[in-house]
Amino acid sequence: MTGVDNALGPLFLLILLGAVLGWRRIPGGDFWPQLERIIYFLLFPAMLVSTLATADVSQVPVARVAIALLGAMLLFAVALWGLRSRLRLEAPVFTSVFQGALRFNTYVGVAGASALHGSSGATVAAVAVALMVPVVNVLCVMSFIAAGTLGPASLGRSLAALLRNPLILACVAGIALNLSGVGLPGWSEASVSLLGRAALPMGLVAVGVALRPQALTRLNGGVWTANLVKLLLMPALVLALTVPLGLDPVSRDIALLFAALPTATSAYILARQLGGDAELMAALITGQTLLAMVTLPLWLSLTGG
């Protein structure tokens, strides 16, 4: 596990640094919320555009990666909805469990992919983001609609926000620049790349700041269900699918990495805005992020990544 530990260890240290800064309220005020907006709307999209616009995406088995990641995601989405009555969860609680089981922390995923396999890993990770972000957003909005926590006005705002999602737009722009042969001409490649390189370390620190240790007192069946799916069943299924799909080692490792990621910190905002259980969401985000520091290296060690 030495290679995996060396790749993921620094990422976890940055998350823990963020947790300490958040706990000590350094630097205070609205610094962190504003920084998160800069990361989400500028730096991370720049990283995606830089990667996708200049990468040789033809080397990535896009269809097979999609089958592994999206197939597992859709299967567990259907399974969770089918088990809703047996889980006996109230509508707001169920939507947070649904998000906790399916959403993934993009910052940790792309940073981990780069640490494990360099530029080739970052390229596969960018493709995974392009595939997964639209699908998981649609599924989660649908869960709010079906559970009845989302009013007509909120539905319109959610769909509009989905169309304006900066990660989706960045993936579309990067792929379009790549396929057109334009790429990033002149100084734009170096400039966009510089912006993108700032996204991952700052994003990881921001993940730590968003942790809410006090929320960990919220332990119930919903928490265990979401954690079981997200950290154990999802990566187990994706790993099993990579064998018959014949994925190359880099694509296999990145698919497994994305399947085993903790849930996204942005899920808390959506739970609060769309009628979910925000406090349960905070517990899931915090618990999964901390647990993933153990489970992620264990899963990746199975492939020798």
Protein backbone atom coordinates (compact mmCIF):
# COMPACT_ATOMS: atom_id res chain seq x y z
CA MET A 1 0.00 0.00 0.00
CA THR A 2 3.01 2.29 0.04
CA GLY A 3 2.31 3.78 -3.40
CA VAL A 4 -1.36 4.40 -2.60
CA ASP A 5 -0.53 5.87 0.81
CA ASN A 6 2.09 8.18 -0.67
CA ALA A 7 -0.39 9.37 -3.29
CA LEU A 8 -3.40 9.89 -1.03
CA GLY A 9 -1.69 10.80 2.26
CA PRO A 10 -0.89 14.42 1.27
CA LEU A 11 -4.47 14.91 0.09
CA PHE A 12 -5.87 13.79 3.43
CA LEU A 13 -3.42 16.07 5.26
CA LEU A 14 -4.74 19.05 3.29
CA ILE A 15 -8.30 18.08 4.25
CA LEU A 16 -7.28 17.82 7.91
CA LEU A 17 -5.54 21.21 7.63
CA GLY A 18 -8.81 22.66 6.39
CA ALA A 19 -10.68 21.04 9.28
CA VAL A 20 -8.31 22.72 11.77
CA LEU A 21 -8.65 26.09 10.04
CA GLY A 22 -12.42 25.76 10.06
CA TRP A 23 -12.47 24.74 13.72
CA ARG A 24 -10.25 27.70 14.67
CA ARG A 25 -12.23 29.99 12.35
CA ILE A 26 -9.12 31.15 10.57
CA PRO A 27 -9.18 33.64 8.87
CA GLY A 28 -12.80 34.27 9.87
CA GLY A 29 -15.62 36.23 8.33
CA ASP A 30 -16.96 35.00 4.98
CA PHE A 31 -13.50 34.14 3.63
CA TRP A 32 -14.17 30.42 3.13
CA PRO A 33 -17.63 30.70 1.51
CA GLN A 34 -16.22 33.25 -0.94
CA LEU A 35 -13.17 31.10 -1.66
CA GLU A 36 -15.41 28.09 -2.28
CA ARG A 37 -17.29 30.14 -4.88
CA ILE A 38 -14.02 31.05 -6.62
CA ILE A 39 -12.95 27.40 -6.65
CA TYR A 40 -16.33 26.16 -7.89
CA PHE A 41 -16.97 28.83 -10.53
CA LEU A 42 -13.43 29.62 -11.73
CA LEU A 43 -10.54 27.43 -10.63
CA PHE A 44 -12.04 23.94 -10.95
CA PRO A 45 -13.71 24.68 -14.31
CA ALA A 46 -10.34 26.01 -15.51
CA MET A 47 -8.72 22.71 -14.52
CA LEU A 48 -11.37 20.72 -16.40
CA VAL A 49 -11.10 22.87 -19.53
CA SER A 50 -7.29 22.71 -19.44
CA THR A 51 -7.30 18.92 -19.09
CA LEU A 52 -10.03 18.09 -21.61
CA ALA A 53 -9.04 20.65 -24.26
CA THR A 54 -5.48 19.40 -24.57
CA ALA A 55 -5.68 15.70 -23.62
CA ASP A 56 -5.71 12.73 -25.97
CA VAL A 57 -9.19 11.61 -24.93
CA SER A 58 -9.13 8.93 -27.63
CA GLN A 59 -6.86 6.92 -25.31
CA VAL A 60 -9.63 6.75 -22.68
CA PRO A 61 -12.18 3.90 -23.07
CA VAL A 62 -15.07 6.31 -22.50
CA ALA A 63 -17.90 3.86 -23.18
CA ARG A 64 -16.52 1.19 -20.84
CA VAL A 65 -15.77 3.70 -18.08
CA ALA A 66 -19.34 4.99 -18.48
CA ILE A 67 -20.78 1.48 -18.19
CA ALA A 68 -18.86 0.85 -14.96
CA LEU A 69 -19.54 4.18 -13.24
CA LEU A 70 -22.97 5.14 -14.55
CA GLY A 71 -24.21 1.55 -14.50
CA ALA A 72 -23.39 1.22 -10.79
CA MET A 73 -24.82 4.66 -10.01
CA LEU A 74 -28.12 3.95 -11.78
CA LEU A 75 -28.41 0.50 -10.23
CA PHE A 76 -28.07 1.83 -6.68
CA ALA A 77 -30.39 4.76 -7.43
CA VAL A 78 -33.11 2.28 -8.45
CA ALA A 79 -32.32 -0.01 -5.49
CA LEU A 80 -32.53 2.81 -2.95
CA TRP A 81 -35.83 4.00 -4.31
CA GLY A 82 -37.17 0.45 -4.34
CA LEU A 83 -36.14 -0.01 -0.70
CA ARG A 84 -37.55 3.32 0.45
CA SER A 85 -40.63 1.81 2.12
CA ARG A 86 -38.55 -0.80 3.92
CA LEU A 87 -36.09 1.80 5.15
CA ARG A 88 -39.03 3.72 6.68
CA LEU A 89 -37.38 7.07 6.21
CA GLU A 90 -39.23 10.37 6.08
CA ALA A 91 -39.04 12.19 2.74
CA PRO A 92 -36.40 14.80 3.76
CA VAL A 93 -34.26 12.09 5.37
CA PHE A 94 -34.50 9.85 2.32
CA THR A 95 -33.35 12.58 -0.06
CA SER A 96 -30.24 13.16 2.07
CA VAL A 97 -29.53 9.42 2.21
CA PHE A 98 -29.97 9.30 -1.58
CA GLN A 99 -27.49 12.14 -2.07
CA GLY A 100 -25.09 10.63 0.45
CA ALA A 101 -25.10 7.31 -1.42
CA LEU A 102 -24.67 8.69 -4.96
CA ARG A 103 -22.89 12.04 -4.93
CA PHE A 104 -19.08 12.13 -4.96
CA ASN A 105 -16.41 14.61 -3.95
CA THR A 106 -14.96 15.82 -7.23
CA TYR A 107 -12.01 17.61 -5.65
CA VAL A 108 -10.77 14.48 -3.89
CA GLY A 109 -11.37 12.40 -7.02
CA VAL A 110 -9.41 14.55 -9.45
CA ALA A 111 -6.63 15.22 -6.95
CA GLY A 112 -6.35 11.51 -6.18
CA ALA A 113 -6.31 10.59 -9.87
CA SER A 114 -3.49 13.05 -10.54
CA ALA A 115 -1.52 11.80 -7.55
CA LEU A 116 -1.92 8.17 -8.56
CA HIS A 117 -1.34 8.34 -12.32
CA GLY A 118 -0.25 11.87 -13.24
CA SER A 119 -1.62 13.46 -16.40
CA SER A 120 -3.12 10.22 -17.71
CA GLY A 121 -5.02 9.79 -14.45
CA ALA A 122 -6.21 13.42 -14.59
CA THR A 123 -7.53 12.87 -18.11
CA VAL A 124 -9.56 9.81 -17.12
CA ALA A 125 -10.79 11.71 -14.05
CA ALA A 126 -11.94 14.64 -16.20
CA VAL A 127 -13.84 12.21 -18.43
CA ALA A 128 -15.41 10.64 -15.32
CA VAL A 129 -16.50 14.09 -14.13
CA ALA A 130 -18.00 14.85 -17.55
CA LEU A 131 -19.96 11.59 -17.43
CA MET A 132 -21.05 11.57 -13.79
CA VAL A 133 -21.82 15.18 -12.84
CA PRO A 134 -24.84 15.64 -15.15
CA VAL A 135 -26.29 12.22 -14.30
CA VAL A 136 -25.93 12.49 -10.53
CA ASN A 137 -27.41 15.99 -10.52
CA VAL A 138 -30.44 14.87 -12.52
CA LEU A 139 -30.94 11.82 -10.27
CA CYS A 140 -30.75 13.87 -7.08
CA VAL A 141 -33.16 16.54 -8.35
CA MET A 142 -35.53 13.72 -9.38
CA SER A 143 -35.32 12.28 -5.87
CA PHE A 144 -36.42 15.61 -4.38
CA ILE A 145 -39.31 15.79 -6.87
CA ALA A 146 -40.45 12.21 -6.26
CA ALA A 147 -40.17 12.57 -2.48
CA GLY A 148 -42.35 15.68 -2.63
CA THR A 149 -39.91 18.05 -0.92
CA LEU A 150 -39.45 20.24 -4.00
CA GLY A 151 -42.07 22.83 -4.94
CA PRO A 152 -42.72 24.04 -8.51
CA ALA A 153 -40.69 27.23 -8.01
CA SER A 154 -37.77 25.30 -6.57
CA LEU A 155 -37.97 22.83 -9.46
CA GLY A 156 -37.55 25.61 -12.00
CA ARG A 157 -34.59 27.05 -10.14
CA SER A 158 -32.99 23.62 -9.82
CA LEU A 159 -33.27 22.86 -13.52
CA ALA A 160 -31.90 26.31 -14.40
CA ALA A 161 -28.99 25.78 -11.99
CA LEU A 162 -28.31 22.40 -13.59
CA LEU A 163 -28.02 24.00 -17.02
CA ARG A 164 -25.67 26.64 -15.58
CA ASN A 165 -23.57 24.16 -13.58
CA PRO A 166 -19.97 25.39 -14.10
CA LEU A 167 -18.52 21.88 -14.05
CA ILE A 168 -20.88 20.69 -16.78
CA LEU A 169 -20.23 23.82 -18.86
CA ALA A 170 -16.46 23.42 -18.41
CA CYS A 171 -16.60 19.78 -19.56
CA VAL A 172 -18.65 20.73 -22.62
CA ALA A 173 -16.25 23.58 -23.45
CA GLY A 174 -13.16 21.43 -22.98
CA ILE A 175 -14.49 18.58 -25.12
CA ALA A 176 -15.63 21.02 -27.83
CA LEU A 177 -12.20 22.68 -27.93
CA ASN A 178 -10.57 19.26 -28.13
CA LEU A 179 -12.79 17.83 -30.89
CA SER A 180 -12.61 21.03 -32.94
CA GLY A 181 -8.83 20.89 -32.95
CA VAL A 182 -8.64 24.44 -31.58
CA GLY A 183 -7.39 23.41 -28.13
CA LEU A 184 -6.07 26.29 -26.05
CA PRO A 185 -4.06 28.49 -28.43
CA GLY A 186 -1.23 30.84 -27.51
CA TRP A 187 -0.89 31.97 -23.92
CA SER A 188 -4.35 30.70 -23.04
CA GLU A 189 -3.09 27.15 -22.39
CA ALA A 190 -0.51 28.26 -19.82
CA SER A 191 -2.92 30.74 -18.22
CA VAL A 192 -5.82 28.32 -17.89
CA SER A 193 -3.47 25.60 -16.68
CA LEU A 194 -2.10 27.88 -13.95
CA LEU A 195 -5.61 28.64 -12.75
CA GLY A 196 -6.48 24.95 -12.79
CA ARG A 197 -3.45 23.94 -10.74
CA ALA A 198 -4.68 26.15 -7.89
CA ALA A 199 -8.03 24.33 -7.77
CA LEU A 200 -7.00 21.02 -6.22
CA PRO A 201 -5.01 22.08 -3.12
CA MET A 202 -7.45 24.89 -2.35
CA GLY A 203 -10.41 22.62 -3.00
CA LEU A 204 -9.09 19.98 -0.61
CA VAL A 205 -8.55 22.53 2.15
CA ALA A 206 -12.08 23.83 1.54
CA VAL A 207 -13.40 20.25 1.91
CA GLY A 208 -11.84 20.14 5.37
CA VAL A 209 -13.29 23.50 6.34
CA ALA A 210 -16.77 22.24 5.43
CA LEU A 211 -16.60 19.30 7.86
CA ARG A 212 -18.94 19.47 10.86
CA PRO A 213 -17.67 17.06 13.57
CA GLN A 214 -20.57 17.95 15.87
CA ALA A 215 -22.95 16.46 13.30
CA LEU A 216 -21.45 13.00 13.85
CA THR A 217 -23.79 12.49 16.80
CA ARG A 218 -26.51 11.89 14.21
CA LEU A 219 -26.32 8.13 13.75
CA ASN A 220 -29.33 6.21 12.46
CA GLY A 221 -30.35 3.69 9.83
CA GLY A 222 -30.16 6.31 7.10
CA VAL A 223 -26.54 7.09 7.90
CA TRP A 224 -25.54 3.43 7.86
CA THR A 225 -27.42 2.81 4.60
CA ALA A 226 -25.75 5.70 2.77
CA ASN A 227 -22.31 4.82 4.11
CA LEU A 228 -22.73 1.15 3.21
CA VAL A 229 -23.66 1.96 -0.38
CA LYS A 230 -21.14 4.75 -0.91
CA LEU A 231 -18.04 3.32 0.71
CA LEU A 232 -18.52 -0.44 0.31
CA LEU A 233 -21.15 -1.61 -2.18
CA MET A 234 -20.56 0.96 -4.91
CA PRO A 235 -16.78 0.41 -5.17
CA ALA A 236 -17.26 -3.36 -4.90
CA LEU A 237 -19.65 -3.36 -7.86
CA VAL A 238 -17.48 -1.05 -9.98
CA LEU A 239 -14.37 -3.14 -9.25
CA ALA A 240 -16.27 -6.27 -10.27
CA LEU A 241 -17.43 -4.59 -13.50
CA THR A 242 -13.92 -3.52 -14.50
CA VAL A 243 -12.90 -7.15 -14.99
CA PRO A 244 -15.32 -8.19 -17.77
CA LEU A 245 -15.06 -4.67 -19.26
CA GLY A 246 -11.29 -5.17 -19.61
CA LEU A 247 -10.32 -1.69 -18.45
CA ASP A 248 -6.64 -0.78 -18.57
CA PRO A 249 -4.94 -0.27 -15.16
CA VAL A 250 -5.23 3.54 -15.19
CA SER A 251 -8.91 3.58 -16.19
CA ARG A 252 -9.65 0.78 -13.72
CA ASP A 253 -7.98 2.60 -10.83
CA ILE A 254 -9.71 5.90 -11.58
CA ALA A 255 -13.11 4.23 -11.98
CA LEU A 256 -12.61 2.50 -8.61
CA LEU A 257 -11.40 5.75 -7.04
CA PHE A 258 -14.50 7.66 -8.18
CA ALA A 259 -16.79 4.87 -7.03
CA ALA A 260 -15.25 4.90 -3.55
CA LEU A 261 -15.21 8.67 -3.03
CA PRO A 262 -17.05 10.23 -0.08
CA THR A 263 -20.12 12.29 -0.85
CA ALA A 264 -19.84 15.90 -2.04
CA THR A 265 -19.83 18.85 0.36
CA SER A 266 -22.19 20.69 -2.01
CA ALA A 267 -24.89 18.18 -1.06
CA TYR A 268 -25.41 20.09 2.21
CA ILE A 269 -26.41 23.25 0.32
CA LEU A 270 -28.82 21.31 -1.89
CA ALA A 271 -30.38 19.59 1.12
CA ARG A 272 -30.93 22.95 2.79
CA GLN A 273 -32.36 24.61 -0.33
CA LEU A 274 -34.52 21.78 -1.67
CA GLY A 275 -36.18 20.47 1.48
CA GLY A 276 -33.80 17.69 2.52
CA ASP A 277 -32.46 16.92 5.99
CA ALA A 278 -29.48 19.30 6.11
CA GLU A 279 -28.20 18.14 9.48
CA LEU A 280 -28.19 14.51 8.37
CA MET A 281 -26.38 15.61 5.21
CA ALA A 282 -23.71 17.30 7.33
CA ALA A 283 -23.28 14.07 9.30
CA LEU A 284 -22.93 12.04 6.09
CA ILE A 285 -20.40 14.43 4.55
CA THR A 286 -18.26 14.54 7.66
CA GLY A 287 -18.45 10.84 8.48
CA GLN A 288 -17.80 9.65 4.93
CA THR A 289 -14.87 12.02 4.41
CA LEU A 290 -13.22 10.74 7.58
CA LEU A 291 -14.02 7.09 6.85
CA ALA A 292 -12.73 7.42 3.28
CA MET A 293 -9.27 8.16 4.67
CA VAL A 294 -9.28 4.45 5.57
CA THR A 295 -11.49 2.89 2.91
CA LEU A 296 -10.03 4.61 -0.18
CA PRO A 297 -6.48 3.29 0.33
CA LEU A 298 -7.87 -0.15 1.12
CA TRP A 299 -9.91 -0.32 -2.09
CA LEU A 300 -7.06 0.96 -4.26
CA SER A 301 -4.63 -1.47 -2.67
CA LEU A 302 -6.71 -4.32 -4.09
CA THR A 303 -5.71 -3.28 -7.62
CA GLY A 304 -2.11 -2.46 -6.77
CA GLY A 305 -2.81 1.15 -7.86
